[in-house]
Amino acid sequence: MIILRKKANPISSLISGVTATSLTGTGSNWDLANVTNGSGLPSSQPSLEGVHAVSAQTNAWRSFNDAGAQLASGNVISITFQIGTVPTDLIGFSFWNFTGGGVNTMGVRNASLGYSTNGTTFTSAWTGTFAQGGTTPGGPELINFNLVKATHVRLNITSNYGDTQRVGFNEIQFKRN
């Protein structure tokens, strides 16, 4: 007797080695590398899940004081990430917004995510609104979309939760099939 087994659905996995390659629209008050290095996550390791510590200079990114005014004026703050040197399957991302008592209004509110295979021309993969971060440590928002091939991803931030000076977030991690 031959038993045919149904193939399991592929489990999504973390795309490792992601780096932030550029930031346009504002400078950084806290290191941009913090959003891909896993700082603030369990064992300080990149992951698609886990509770992230409250935003701090050592585990989150925060812009200079001009970002809130730029966003209020309709300007976009863009962060480009390199996820590979050859096109990689991309099906979504995990996002941890800015957290902490009295400062969670800096968190990203509205944004879009584009993908590219050359780092120059980007096509939209997702547009939406992130939940406002809380005052205590928290888990990620899980964003899924149809599979695309990409070497670069650009996060375009169009608003925050009302802070008149800064915008920031804790972590972003990308996933593939």
N, C-alpha and C. Protein backbone atom coordinates (compact mmCIF):
# COMPACT_ATOMS: atom_id res chain seq x y z
N MET A 1 0.84 -1.17 0.00
CA MET A 1 0.00 0.00 0.00
C MET A 1 0.89 1.24 0.00
N ILE A 2 0.55 2.21 -0.83
CA ILE A 2 1.28 3.48 -0.90
C ILE A 2 0.45 4.53 -0.20
N ILE A 3 1.08 5.22 0.69
CA ILE A 3 0.40 6.31 1.40
C ILE A 3 0.95 7.62 0.87
N LEU A 4 0.08 8.46 0.35
CA LEU A 4 0.49 9.77 -0.13
C LEU A 4 0.27 10.78 0.98
N ARG A 5 1.28 11.51 1.26
CA ARG A 5 1.16 12.54 2.30
C ARG A 5 1.08 13.90 1.64
N LYS A 6 0.21 14.70 2.16
CA LYS A 6 0.08 16.06 1.67
C LYS A 6 1.28 16.86 2.17
N LYS A 7 1.88 17.63 1.27
CA LYS A 7 2.99 18.47 1.67
C LYS A 7 2.49 19.58 2.59
N ALA A 8 3.21 19.78 3.64
CA ALA A 8 2.83 20.85 4.57
C ALA A 8 3.06 22.21 3.91
N ASN A 9 2.27 23.18 4.33
CA ASN A 9 2.49 24.53 3.84
C ASN A 9 3.86 25.01 4.30
N PRO A 10 4.55 25.74 3.45
CA PRO A 10 5.86 26.21 3.87
C PRO A 10 5.72 27.17 5.07
N ILE A 11 6.63 27.06 5.97
CA ILE A 11 6.63 27.92 7.14
C ILE A 11 7.51 29.13 6.82
N SER A 12 7.00 30.31 7.13
CA SER A 12 7.79 31.50 6.84
C SER A 12 8.98 31.55 7.79
N SER A 13 10.04 32.15 7.30
CA SER A 13 11.25 32.26 8.11
C SER A 13 11.85 33.65 7.99
N LEU A 14 12.65 33.96 8.96
CA LEU A 14 13.33 35.25 9.06
C LEU A 14 14.34 35.41 7.94
N ILE A 15 14.37 36.58 7.33
CA ILE A 15 15.45 36.93 6.40
C ILE A 15 16.55 37.56 7.26
N SER A 16 17.67 36.89 7.36
CA SER A 16 18.73 37.37 8.24
C SER A 16 19.70 38.28 7.48
N GLY A 17 20.48 39.02 8.23
CA GLY A 17 21.51 39.89 7.65
C GLY A 17 20.99 41.16 7.03
N VAL A 18 19.77 41.57 7.35
CA VAL A 18 19.19 42.80 6.80
C VAL A 18 19.89 44.01 7.40
N THR A 19 20.18 44.99 6.55
CA THR A 19 20.80 46.23 7.02
C THR A 19 20.03 47.42 6.48
N ALA A 20 19.98 48.48 7.26
CA ALA A 20 19.42 49.74 6.80
C ALA A 20 20.51 50.43 6.00
N THR A 21 20.22 50.75 4.74
CA THR A 21 21.25 51.32 3.88
C THR A 21 21.11 52.82 3.67
N SER A 22 19.92 53.37 3.91
CA SER A 22 19.78 54.83 3.79
C SER A 22 18.55 55.33 4.52
N LEU A 23 18.60 56.59 4.85
CA LEU A 23 17.51 57.28 5.53
C LEU A 23 17.36 58.63 4.86
N THR A 24 16.16 58.96 4.38
CA THR A 24 15.94 60.27 3.78
C THR A 24 14.81 60.98 4.50
N GLY A 25 14.91 62.29 4.59
CA GLY A 25 13.86 63.10 5.19
C GLY A 25 14.19 63.60 6.57
N THR A 26 15.13 62.97 7.26
CA THR A 26 15.52 63.41 8.60
C THR A 26 16.78 62.65 9.00
N GLY A 27 17.45 63.10 10.00
CA GLY A 27 18.59 62.37 10.53
C GLY A 27 18.17 61.49 11.69
N SER A 28 19.13 60.81 12.29
CA SER A 28 18.84 59.90 13.40
C SER A 28 19.34 60.46 14.71
N ASN A 29 18.48 60.41 15.70
CA ASN A 29 18.85 60.75 17.05
C ASN A 29 19.33 59.49 17.78
N TRP A 30 18.73 58.35 17.42
CA TRP A 30 19.13 57.03 17.92
C TRP A 30 19.51 56.18 16.71
N ASP A 31 20.44 55.27 16.87
CA ASP A 31 21.04 54.50 15.77
C ASP A 31 20.02 53.69 14.97
N LEU A 32 20.00 53.90 13.67
CA LEU A 32 19.09 53.18 12.78
C LEU A 32 19.37 51.68 12.75
N ALA A 33 20.60 51.27 13.02
CA ALA A 33 20.94 49.84 13.05
C ALA A 33 20.14 49.09 14.11
N ASN A 34 19.64 49.79 15.12
CA ASN A 34 18.86 49.15 16.20
C ASN A 34 17.58 48.48 15.69
N VAL A 35 17.04 48.92 14.54
CA VAL A 35 15.75 48.38 14.09
C VAL A 35 15.88 47.04 13.37
N THR A 36 17.11 46.58 13.10
CA THR A 36 17.28 45.28 12.44
C THR A 36 18.20 44.34 13.21
N ASN A 37 18.79 44.80 14.30
CA ASN A 37 19.79 43.97 14.99
C ASN A 37 19.23 43.12 16.14
N GLY A 38 17.94 43.22 16.41
CA GLY A 38 17.34 42.40 17.45
C GLY A 38 17.49 42.95 18.86
N SER A 39 18.17 44.07 19.00
CA SER A 39 18.31 44.64 20.35
C SER A 39 16.92 44.96 20.88
N GLY A 40 16.67 44.59 22.09
CA GLY A 40 15.35 44.77 22.70
C GLY A 40 14.47 43.54 22.61
N LEU A 41 14.83 42.58 21.74
CA LEU A 41 14.09 41.32 21.64
C LEU A 41 14.73 40.28 22.55
N PRO A 42 14.03 39.17 22.82
CA PRO A 42 14.62 38.12 23.67
C PRO A 42 16.00 37.69 23.14
N SER A 43 16.94 37.57 24.02
CA SER A 43 18.33 37.19 23.73
C SER A 43 19.01 38.17 22.78
N SER A 44 18.42 39.36 22.58
CA SER A 44 18.96 40.38 21.66
C SER A 44 19.25 39.81 20.28
N GLN A 45 18.35 38.95 19.79
CA GLN A 45 18.51 38.30 18.49
C GLN A 45 17.33 38.67 17.58
N PRO A 46 17.60 38.94 16.29
CA PRO A 46 16.50 39.17 15.36
C PRO A 46 15.54 37.98 15.35
N SER A 47 14.25 38.28 15.23
CA SER A 47 13.21 37.26 15.26
C SER A 47 11.95 37.84 14.61
N LEU A 48 11.04 36.98 14.21
CA LEU A 48 9.76 37.44 13.67
C LEU A 48 8.71 37.61 14.76
N GLU A 49 9.05 37.23 15.99
CA GLU A 49 8.12 37.34 17.10
C GLU A 49 8.89 37.67 18.36
N GLY A 50 8.18 37.79 19.45
CA GLY A 50 8.80 38.08 20.73
C GLY A 50 8.40 39.44 21.26
N VAL A 51 8.49 39.58 22.56
CA VAL A 51 8.18 40.84 23.22
C VAL A 51 9.41 41.73 23.17
N HIS A 52 9.24 42.94 22.69
CA HIS A 52 10.33 43.92 22.60
C HIS A 52 10.30 44.82 23.82
N ALA A 53 11.45 45.10 24.38
CA ALA A 53 11.55 46.00 25.52
C ALA A 53 11.04 47.39 25.16
N VAL A 54 10.73 48.20 26.15
CA VAL A 54 10.32 49.58 25.93
C VAL A 54 11.43 50.30 25.17
N SER A 55 11.05 51.19 24.27
CA SER A 55 12.00 51.94 23.43
C SER A 55 13.05 52.65 24.27
N ALA A 56 14.30 52.49 23.84
CA ALA A 56 15.43 53.14 24.49
C ALA A 56 16.50 53.41 23.43
N GLN A 57 17.44 54.26 23.77
CA GLN A 57 18.51 54.63 22.83
C GLN A 57 19.29 53.41 22.33
N THR A 58 19.34 52.35 23.11
CA THR A 58 20.12 51.17 22.75
C THR A 58 19.32 50.10 22.00
N ASN A 59 17.98 50.31 21.80
CA ASN A 59 17.20 49.25 21.16
C ASN A 59 16.13 49.74 20.19
N ALA A 60 16.16 51.00 19.80
CA ALA A 60 15.15 51.55 18.91
C ALA A 60 15.78 52.65 18.04
N TRP A 61 15.02 53.10 17.05
CA TRP A 61 15.44 54.24 16.23
C TRP A 61 14.51 55.40 16.50
N ARG A 62 15.08 56.58 16.55
CA ARG A 62 14.32 57.82 16.73
C ARG A 62 14.98 58.89 15.89
N SER A 63 14.18 59.69 15.22
CA SER A 63 14.69 60.74 14.34
C SER A 63 15.16 61.95 15.12
N PHE A 64 15.76 62.88 14.40
CA PHE A 64 16.06 64.19 14.96
C PHE A 64 14.76 64.95 15.22
N ASN A 65 14.86 66.11 15.86
CA ASN A 65 13.70 66.91 16.26
C ASN A 65 12.87 67.47 15.11
N ASP A 66 13.36 67.41 13.87
CA ASP A 66 12.63 68.03 12.77
C ASP A 66 11.58 67.12 12.13
N ALA A 67 11.55 65.85 12.46
CA ALA A 67 10.70 64.90 11.75
C ALA A 67 9.21 65.14 11.95
N GLY A 68 8.77 65.44 13.16
CA GLY A 68 7.35 65.67 13.40
C GLY A 68 6.81 66.79 12.55
N ALA A 69 7.56 67.88 12.45
CA ALA A 69 7.13 69.01 11.61
C ALA A 69 7.14 68.63 10.14
N GLN A 70 8.14 67.83 9.72
CA GLN A 70 8.19 67.39 8.32
C GLN A 70 6.97 66.54 7.98
N LEU A 71 6.62 65.60 8.85
CA LEU A 71 5.46 64.75 8.60
C LEU A 71 4.17 65.58 8.58
N ALA A 72 4.05 66.53 9.50
CA ALA A 72 2.86 67.39 9.56
C ALA A 72 2.73 68.23 8.29
N SER A 73 3.85 68.51 7.63
CA SER A 73 3.85 69.29 6.39
C SER A 73 3.63 68.42 5.15
N GLY A 74 3.42 67.12 5.34
CA GLY A 74 3.17 66.23 4.22
C GLY A 74 4.41 65.59 3.62
N ASN A 75 5.56 65.78 4.24
CA ASN A 75 6.79 65.15 3.75
C ASN A 75 6.85 63.68 4.17
N VAL A 76 7.62 62.90 3.45
CA VAL A 76 7.78 61.48 3.72
C VAL A 76 9.19 61.22 4.25
N ILE A 77 9.29 60.37 5.25
CA ILE A 77 10.58 59.92 5.75
C ILE A 77 10.74 58.48 5.28
N SER A 78 11.81 58.21 4.53
CA SER A 78 12.02 56.89 3.93
C SER A 78 13.26 56.22 4.49
N ILE A 79 13.12 54.93 4.77
CA ILE A 79 14.26 54.11 5.21
C ILE A 79 14.36 52.94 4.25
N THR A 80 15.54 52.75 3.66
CA THR A 80 15.76 51.66 2.72
C THR A 80 16.59 50.58 3.40
N PHE A 81 16.15 49.34 3.21
CA PHE A 81 16.81 48.17 3.80
C PHE A 81 17.30 47.27 2.68
N GLN A 82 18.51 46.73 2.83
CA GLN A 82 18.98 45.71 1.90
C GLN A 82 18.71 44.36 2.54
N ILE A 83 17.93 43.51 1.84
CA ILE A 83 17.58 42.20 2.39
C ILE A 83 18.36 41.08 1.71
N GLY A 84 19.16 41.41 0.71
CA GLY A 84 19.96 40.41 0.02
C GLY A 84 20.67 41.02 -1.18
N THR A 85 21.58 40.25 -1.76
CA THR A 85 22.27 40.72 -2.96
C THR A 85 21.68 40.10 -4.22
N VAL A 86 20.93 39.02 -4.05
CA VAL A 86 20.17 38.42 -5.15
C VAL A 86 18.70 38.46 -4.72
N PRO A 87 17.77 38.54 -5.67
CA PRO A 87 16.36 38.62 -5.28
C PRO A 87 15.94 37.49 -4.35
N THR A 88 15.31 37.87 -3.27
CA THR A 88 14.88 36.97 -2.21
C THR A 88 13.36 36.97 -2.16
N ASP A 89 12.75 35.81 -1.88
CA ASP A 89 11.30 35.75 -1.68
C ASP A 89 10.95 36.56 -0.43
N LEU A 90 9.99 37.46 -0.56
CA LEU A 90 9.54 38.31 0.54
C LEU A 90 8.03 38.18 0.63
N ILE A 91 7.51 37.82 1.81
CA ILE A 91 6.06 37.65 1.97
C ILE A 91 5.47 38.48 3.11
N GLY A 92 6.29 39.28 3.76
CA GLY A 92 5.76 40.12 4.82
C GLY A 92 6.83 40.58 5.79
N PHE A 93 6.37 41.13 6.91
CA PHE A 93 7.30 41.61 7.92
C PHE A 93 6.63 41.69 9.28
N SER A 94 7.46 41.73 10.30
CA SER A 94 7.03 41.95 11.68
C SER A 94 7.49 43.34 12.08
N PHE A 95 6.62 44.10 12.76
CA PHE A 95 6.91 45.49 13.09
C PHE A 95 6.57 45.76 14.55
N TRP A 96 7.55 46.28 15.27
CA TRP A 96 7.36 46.68 16.66
C TRP A 96 7.41 48.20 16.71
N ASN A 97 6.31 48.84 17.08
CA ASN A 97 6.26 50.29 17.10
C ASN A 97 6.91 50.85 18.37
N PHE A 98 7.12 52.15 18.39
CA PHE A 98 7.73 52.85 19.51
C PHE A 98 6.85 52.68 20.75
N THR A 99 7.47 52.41 21.90
CA THR A 99 6.73 52.20 23.14
C THR A 99 7.32 53.03 24.27
N GLY A 100 6.54 53.21 25.31
CA GLY A 100 7.02 53.90 26.50
C GLY A 100 6.05 54.98 26.94
N GLY A 101 5.97 55.17 28.22
CA GLY A 101 5.08 56.17 28.78
C GLY A 101 5.43 57.57 28.33
N GLY A 102 4.46 58.27 27.74
CA GLY A 102 4.65 59.66 27.35
C GLY A 102 5.39 59.87 26.04
N VAL A 103 5.97 58.82 25.47
CA VAL A 103 6.72 59.00 24.21
C VAL A 103 6.16 58.15 23.07
N ASN A 104 5.12 57.37 23.34
CA ASN A 104 4.60 56.50 22.29
C ASN A 104 3.91 57.27 21.17
N THR A 105 3.74 58.58 21.32
CA THR A 105 3.19 59.39 20.23
C THR A 105 4.21 59.58 19.10
N MET A 106 5.47 59.20 19.33
CA MET A 106 6.50 59.23 18.28
C MET A 106 6.33 58.09 17.30
N GLY A 107 5.59 57.05 17.68
CA GLY A 107 5.48 55.86 16.85
C GLY A 107 4.95 56.13 15.46
N VAL A 108 5.31 55.25 14.52
CA VAL A 108 4.86 55.35 13.13
C VAL A 108 3.37 55.05 13.09
N ARG A 109 2.62 55.90 12.43
CA ARG A 109 1.18 55.68 12.26
C ARG A 109 0.89 55.16 10.85
N ASN A 110 1.03 55.99 9.85
CA ASN A 110 0.76 55.60 8.47
C ASN A 110 2.07 55.42 7.71
N ALA A 111 2.10 54.37 6.89
CA ALA A 111 3.32 54.06 6.15
C ALA A 111 2.99 53.19 4.94
N SER A 112 3.98 53.04 4.09
CA SER A 112 3.88 52.08 2.99
C SER A 112 5.22 51.38 2.87
N LEU A 113 5.18 50.21 2.24
CA LEU A 113 6.39 49.44 2.05
C LEU A 113 6.49 49.09 0.57
N GLY A 114 7.65 49.40 -0.01
CA GLY A 114 7.90 49.07 -1.40
C GLY A 114 9.06 48.09 -1.50
N TYR A 115 9.14 47.39 -2.63
CA TYR A 115 10.22 46.44 -2.84
C TYR A 115 10.90 46.72 -4.18
N SER A 116 12.16 46.27 -4.29
CA SER A 116 12.95 46.54 -5.48
C SER A 116 13.98 45.44 -5.68
N THR A 117 14.37 45.23 -6.92
CA THR A 117 15.47 44.30 -7.21
C THR A 117 16.73 45.06 -7.64
N ASN A 118 16.67 46.39 -7.61
CA ASN A 118 17.85 47.18 -7.98
C ASN A 118 18.18 48.29 -6.98
N GLY A 119 17.35 48.47 -5.95
CA GLY A 119 17.60 49.49 -4.95
C GLY A 119 17.24 50.89 -5.39
N THR A 120 16.67 51.03 -6.58
CA THR A 120 16.33 52.35 -7.12
C THR A 120 14.85 52.51 -7.42
N THR A 121 14.29 51.55 -8.13
CA THR A 121 12.88 51.59 -8.52
C THR A 121 12.08 50.67 -7.60
N PHE A 122 11.10 51.24 -6.90
CA PHE A 122 10.33 50.49 -5.91
C PHE A 122 8.87 50.35 -6.33
N THR A 123 8.31 49.17 -6.07
CA THR A 123 6.91 48.85 -6.34
C THR A 123 6.22 48.61 -5.01
N SER A 124 5.00 49.09 -4.88
CA SER A 124 4.27 48.97 -3.61
C SER A 124 3.93 47.52 -3.29
N ALA A 125 4.17 47.14 -2.05
CA ALA A 125 3.78 45.81 -1.54
C ALA A 125 2.71 45.94 -0.47
N TRP A 126 2.69 47.07 0.26
CA TRP A 126 1.77 47.23 1.38
C TRP A 126 1.63 48.71 1.71
N THR A 127 0.42 49.12 2.07
CA THR A 127 0.14 50.46 2.61
C THR A 127 -0.83 50.27 3.76
N GLY A 128 -0.59 50.95 4.87
CA GLY A 128 -1.51 50.78 5.99
C GLY A 128 -1.18 51.63 7.19
N THR A 129 -1.84 51.31 8.28
CA THR A 129 -1.70 52.03 9.55
C THR A 129 -1.23 51.04 10.61
N PHE A 130 -0.17 51.41 11.32
CA PHE A 130 0.31 50.60 12.44
C PHE A 130 -0.43 51.01 13.70
N ALA A 131 -0.64 50.06 14.59
CA ALA A 131 -1.23 50.36 15.90
C ALA A 131 -0.23 51.20 16.70
N GLN A 132 -0.76 52.08 17.52
CA GLN A 132 0.10 52.88 18.39
C GLN A 132 0.72 51.97 19.44
N GLY A 133 2.01 52.14 19.66
CA GLY A 133 2.70 51.37 20.69
C GLY A 133 2.17 51.71 22.07
N GLY A 134 2.26 50.77 22.97
CA GLY A 134 1.78 50.98 24.33
C GLY A 134 2.84 51.61 25.23
N THR A 135 2.56 51.57 26.50
CA THR A 135 3.50 52.14 27.47
C THR A 135 4.41 51.08 28.08
N THR A 136 4.16 49.81 27.75
CA THR A 136 4.95 48.70 28.28
C THR A 136 5.52 47.88 27.11
N PRO A 137 6.43 46.94 27.38
CA PRO A 137 6.96 46.09 26.31
C PRO A 137 5.82 45.39 25.56
N GLY A 138 6.04 45.13 24.25
CA GLY A 138 4.97 44.52 23.47
C GLY A 138 5.48 43.69 22.30
N GLY A 139 4.56 42.94 21.72
CA GLY A 139 4.86 42.09 20.58
C GLY A 139 4.69 42.83 19.27
N PRO A 140 4.95 42.13 18.15
CA PRO A 140 4.92 42.78 16.85
C PRO A 140 3.55 42.77 16.20
N GLU A 141 3.39 43.65 15.22
CA GLU A 141 2.30 43.53 14.26
C GLU A 141 2.85 42.68 13.13
N LEU A 142 2.07 41.72 12.67
CA LEU A 142 2.49 40.82 11.60
C LEU A 142 1.79 41.24 10.32
N ILE A 143 2.56 41.64 9.33
CA ILE A 143 2.03 42.11 8.05
C ILE A 143 2.39 41.08 6.98
N ASN A 144 1.38 40.61 6.26
CA ASN A 144 1.58 39.63 5.19
C ASN A 144 1.11 40.21 3.87
N PHE A 145 1.76 39.82 2.78
CA PHE A 145 1.33 40.19 1.44
C PHE A 145 1.76 39.10 0.48
N ASN A 146 1.32 39.20 -0.78
CA ASN A 146 1.69 38.21 -1.78
C ASN A 146 3.19 38.20 -2.00
N LEU A 147 3.73 37.04 -2.29
CA LEU A 147 5.16 36.88 -2.50
C LEU A 147 5.67 37.80 -3.59
N VAL A 148 6.78 38.47 -3.30
CA VAL A 148 7.50 39.29 -4.26
C VAL A 148 8.97 38.92 -4.17
N LYS A 149 9.73 39.24 -5.19
CA LYS A 149 11.18 39.04 -5.19
C LYS A 149 11.83 40.39 -4.95
N ALA A 150 12.78 40.46 -4.02
CA ALA A 150 13.38 41.75 -3.69
C ALA A 150 14.81 41.62 -3.19
N THR A 151 15.59 42.66 -3.43
CA THR A 151 16.90 42.82 -2.81
C THR A 151 16.87 43.99 -1.82
N HIS A 152 15.92 44.90 -2.04
CA HIS A 152 15.77 46.08 -1.19
C HIS A 152 14.31 46.29 -0.85
N VAL A 153 14.08 46.88 0.31
CA VAL A 153 12.75 47.23 0.78
C VAL A 153 12.82 48.66 1.29
N ARG A 154 11.79 49.45 0.98
CA ARG A 154 11.76 50.84 1.47
C ARG A 154 10.50 51.06 2.29
N LEU A 155 10.69 51.51 3.53
CA LEU A 155 9.59 51.89 4.41
C LEU A 155 9.42 53.40 4.28
N ASN A 156 8.24 53.83 3.82
CA ASN A 156 7.92 55.25 3.67
C ASN A 156 6.96 55.65 4.78
N ILE A 157 7.44 56.46 5.70
CA ILE A 157 6.65 56.89 6.85
C ILE A 157 5.98 58.21 6.50
N THR A 158 4.63 58.25 6.61
CA THR A 158 3.90 59.47 6.25
C THR A 158 3.26 60.18 7.44
N SER A 159 3.17 59.50 8.61
CA SER A 159 2.67 60.18 9.80
C SER A 159 3.08 59.42 11.05
N ASN A 160 3.05 60.15 12.17
CA ASN A 160 3.26 59.52 13.47
C ASN A 160 2.00 59.73 14.31
N TYR A 161 2.07 59.39 15.59
CA TYR A 161 0.89 59.51 16.45
C TYR A 161 0.80 60.87 17.15
N GLY A 162 1.35 61.91 16.53
CA GLY A 162 1.12 63.27 17.01
C GLY A 162 2.31 63.97 17.60
N ASP A 163 3.43 63.29 17.82
CA ASP A 163 4.59 63.98 18.37
C ASP A 163 5.01 65.08 17.39
N THR A 164 5.23 66.27 17.90
CA THR A 164 5.54 67.40 17.02
C THR A 164 7.01 67.47 16.64
N GLN A 165 7.84 66.60 17.21
CA GLN A 165 9.26 66.65 16.91
C GLN A 165 9.78 65.39 16.21
N ARG A 166 9.55 64.22 16.78
CA ARG A 166 10.24 63.01 16.33
C ARG A 166 9.28 61.93 15.84
N VAL A 167 9.89 60.95 15.14
CA VAL A 167 9.22 59.72 14.78
C VAL A 167 10.20 58.59 15.06
N GLY A 168 9.68 57.41 15.40
CA GLY A 168 10.59 56.30 15.66
C GLY A 168 9.84 54.98 15.74
N PHE A 169 10.60 53.90 15.77
CA PHE A 169 10.04 52.56 16.00
C PHE A 169 11.13 51.67 16.55
N ASN A 170 10.72 50.52 17.09
CA ASN A 170 11.65 49.62 17.77
C ASN A 170 12.37 48.66 16.84
N GLU A 171 11.61 47.97 15.99
CA GLU A 171 12.22 46.87 15.22
C GLU A 171 11.37 46.58 14.00
N ILE A 172 12.03 46.12 12.93
CA ILE A 172 11.35 45.60 11.75
C ILE A 172 12.15 44.39 11.29
N GLN A 173 11.46 43.28 11.05
CA GLN A 173 12.10 42.07 10.57
C GLN A 173 11.29 41.54 9.39
N PHE A 174 11.97 41.07 8.36
CA PHE A 174 11.32 40.65 7.13
C PHE A 174 11.27 39.12 7.04
N LYS A 175 10.22 38.61 6.35
CA LYS A 175 10.07 37.16 6.29
C LYS A 175 9.89 36.67 4.86
N ARG A 176 10.31 35.43 4.67
CA ARG A 176 10.19 34.75 3.39
C ARG A 176 9.53 33.40 3.60
N ASN A 177 9.17 32.76 2.49
CA ASN A 177 8.64 31.38 2.55
C ASN A 177 9.73 30.46 3.01
